[in-house]
Amino acid sequence: MATFHEDCEYSSFLWPGGRNCSSKGSCVNPSSDHAYCSCDAGYSGVNDFNLKSEDCDVQLGFAKFTWVLLLAFSIVSYLVGLVHLLLLIYFKRSYRHNPLVTTNLAYYALVVASSLLFILVGIWKLSDFRNQTNENVIGQNPAVTLSFSFAVFFW
């Protein structure tokens, strides 16, 4: 996977270990105006919140692990929130004069909605890893960016 930038032959103090492309790739066309890092397998320069990288600093295995972890926590959060929401709806008639029931209904509805958005973003991200593409990058794809933003905002 290639990471484009103006010049991948920076001075040694900018690169870990004094090497270009974070020692995880090689500089292609170093003397031209269109030099870029060609990253080794399993590394990339472009990732969520890091759209214009200058080296091969993203370890894709760890990025995939964090998205799987987020997806697992989101599924658990969704199921717990849904159970609480359904219980509150079921018992709402008995406690209709209690203002906490209405407040809790709104809270659990937001938990369920944001968890669903996190699940959707997690599925999009894992499909990127499965297909070895970068189509669903947060900050680049509007649907993924808005879904993630609303999920974080309501969480």
Protein backbone atom coordinates (compact mmCIF):
# COMPACT_ATOMS: atom_id res chain seq x y z
CA MET A 1 0.00 0.00 0.00
CA ALA A 2 1.45 3.37 -0.97
CA THR A 3 1.46 6.52 1.13
CA PHE A 4 1.96 9.66 -0.93
CA HIS A 5 3.74 12.78 0.25
CA GLU A 6 6.16 15.34 -1.09
CA ASP A 7 9.46 13.84 0.04
CA CYS A 8 10.08 10.62 1.94
CA GLU A 9 13.80 11.30 2.36
CA TYR A 10 13.55 13.43 5.52
CA SER A 11 16.41 14.03 7.88
CA SER A 12 17.07 11.35 10.47
CA PHE A 13 15.60 13.17 13.47
CA LEU A 14 12.08 12.97 11.98
CA TRP A 15 12.04 9.22 11.42
CA PRO A 16 12.13 6.48 14.07
CA GLY A 17 15.53 4.82 13.97
CA GLY A 18 16.78 7.41 11.48
CA ARG A 19 15.15 5.66 8.53
CA ASN A 20 12.53 6.78 6.09
CA CYS A 21 9.01 5.32 5.91
CA SER A 22 9.24 4.27 9.60
CA SER A 23 11.45 1.35 8.57
CA LYS A 24 8.28 -0.39 7.37
CA GLY A 25 8.55 0.46 3.69
CA SER A 26 10.77 2.01 1.09
CA CYS A 27 10.91 5.38 -0.59
CA VAL A 28 9.92 5.32 -4.26
CA ASN A 29 11.21 8.11 -6.53
CA PRO A 30 13.07 9.88 -3.67
CA SER A 31 14.54 12.59 -5.87
CA SER A 32 11.33 13.48 -7.70
CA ASP A 33 8.44 15.76 -6.75
CA HIS A 34 6.17 12.72 -6.46
CA ALA A 35 8.07 10.60 -3.96
CA TYR A 36 6.08 8.24 -1.77
CA CYS A 37 6.48 5.42 0.69
CA SER A 38 5.67 1.96 -0.55
CA CYS A 39 4.65 0.20 2.66
CA ASP A 40 5.49 -3.39 3.56
CA ALA A 41 2.66 -5.93 3.86
CA GLY A 42 0.65 -5.32 7.03
CA TYR A 43 1.49 -1.60 7.24
CA SER A 44 -0.09 1.53 5.86
CA GLY A 45 0.17 5.26 6.19
CA VAL A 46 -3.50 6.09 5.77
CA ASN A 47 -5.93 5.28 8.53
CA ASP A 48 -8.79 6.87 10.41
CA PHE A 49 -7.99 10.41 11.58
CA ASN A 50 -4.65 10.15 9.73
CA LEU A 51 -5.51 10.94 6.12
CA LYS A 52 -2.23 12.46 4.97
CA SER A 53 0.46 10.36 6.50
CA GLU A 54 4.10 10.70 5.64
CA ASP A 55 5.25 7.20 6.45
CA CYS A 56 4.16 3.60 7.05
CA ASP A 57 3.23 4.06 10.70
CA VAL A 58 -0.08 2.14 10.89
CA GLN A 59 0.15 -1.54 11.83
CA LEU A 60 -2.99 -2.95 10.17
CA GLY A 61 -3.24 -6.00 12.47
CA PHE A 62 -3.53 -3.80 15.55
CA ALA A 63 -5.96 -1.46 13.81
CA LYS A 64 -8.14 -4.45 12.92
CA PHE A 65 -7.96 -5.71 16.53
CA THR A 66 -9.17 -2.35 17.89
CA TRP A 67 -12.11 -2.29 15.48
CA VAL A 68 -13.05 -5.88 16.40
CA LEU A 69 -12.89 -4.87 20.06
CA LEU A 70 -15.09 -1.81 19.43
CA LEU A 71 -17.55 -3.96 17.50
CA ALA A 72 -17.74 -6.53 20.32
CA PHE A 73 -18.28 -3.85 22.99
CA SER A 74 -20.89 -2.16 20.77
CA ILE A 75 -22.84 -5.40 20.37
CA VAL A 76 -22.82 -5.97 24.14
CA SER A 77 -23.83 -2.34 24.74
CA TYR A 78 -26.63 -2.65 22.20
CA LEU A 79 -28.01 -5.83 23.76
CA VAL A 80 -27.85 -4.49 27.33
CA GLY A 81 -29.40 -1.17 26.29
CA LEU A 82 -32.13 -2.92 24.31
CA VAL A 83 -33.04 -5.17 27.25
CA HIS A 84 -33.24 -2.18 29.59
CA LEU A 85 -35.25 -0.19 27.06
CA LEU A 86 -37.74 -3.02 26.58
CA LEU A 87 -38.08 -3.51 30.34
CA LEU A 88 -38.71 0.20 30.84
CA ILE A 89 -41.34 0.20 28.11
CA TYR A 90 -42.98 -2.87 29.64
CA PHE A 91 -43.09 -1.34 33.14
CA LYS A 92 -43.87 2.18 31.98
CA ARG A 93 -47.59 1.85 32.77
CA SER A 94 -46.91 0.91 36.37
CA TYR A 95 -44.54 3.81 36.94
CA ARG A 96 -45.98 6.44 34.59
CA HIS A 97 -46.01 9.09 37.31
CA ASN A 98 -42.29 8.69 37.95
CA PRO A 99 -40.24 11.21 35.87
CA LEU A 100 -37.18 8.97 36.04
CA VAL A 101 -38.88 6.44 33.78
CA THR A 102 -39.17 8.99 30.97
CA THR A 103 -35.58 10.17 31.48
CA ASN A 104 -34.30 6.60 31.48
CA LEU A 105 -36.29 5.78 28.34
CA ALA A 106 -34.60 8.63 26.49
CA TYR A 107 -31.19 7.63 27.84
CA TYR A 108 -31.51 3.97 26.82
CA ALA A 109 -32.92 4.95 23.43
CA LEU A 110 -29.75 7.00 22.82
CA VAL A 111 -27.56 4.13 24.06
CA VAL A 112 -29.26 1.73 21.65
CA ALA A 113 -29.05 4.20 18.73
CA SER A 114 -25.37 5.05 19.29
CA SER A 115 -24.51 1.37 19.77
CA LEU A 116 -26.16 0.59 16.44
CA LEU A 117 -24.11 3.31 14.78
CA PHE A 118 -20.91 1.93 16.33
CA ILE A 119 -21.87 -1.55 15.09
CA LEU A 120 -22.43 -0.16 11.59
CA VAL A 121 -19.07 1.65 11.59
CA GLY A 122 -17.34 -1.49 12.92
CA ILE A 123 -18.84 -3.60 10.14
CA TRP A 124 -17.75 -1.05 7.52
CA LYS A 125 -14.22 -0.98 8.93
CA LEU A 126 -13.93 -4.77 9.08
CA SER A 127 -15.16 -5.01 5.48
CA ASP A 128 -12.23 -2.74 4.55
CA PHE A 129 -9.79 -5.13 6.22
CA ARG A 130 -11.46 -8.13 4.62
CA ASN A 131 -11.39 -6.57 1.13
CA GLN A 132 -7.98 -4.94 1.72
CA THR A 133 -9.29 -1.50 0.76
CA ASN A 134 -9.43 1.92 2.38
CA GLU A 135 -12.94 2.95 1.32
CA ASN A 136 -14.43 3.48 4.78
CA VAL A 137 -11.89 5.81 6.36
CA ILE A 138 -13.22 8.11 9.06
CA GLY A 139 -12.62 11.63 7.83
CA GLN A 140 -12.73 10.63 4.18
CA ASN A 141 -16.01 8.72 3.68
CA PRO A 142 -18.95 10.98 4.65
CA ALA A 143 -21.31 8.18 5.73
CA VAL A 144 -18.72 6.55 8.00
CA THR A 145 -17.58 9.91 9.38
CA LEU A 146 -21.12 11.07 10.20
CA SER A 147 -22.08 7.71 11.70
CA PHE A 148 -19.01 7.67 13.91
CA SER A 149 -19.50 11.32 14.89
CA PHE A 150 -23.15 10.85 15.89
CA ALA A 151 -22.32 7.64 17.76
CA VAL A 152 -19.59 9.37 19.77
CA PHE A 153 -21.76 12.45 20.35
CA PHE A 154 -24.72 10.48 21.70
CA TRP A 155 -22.64 8.06 23.71
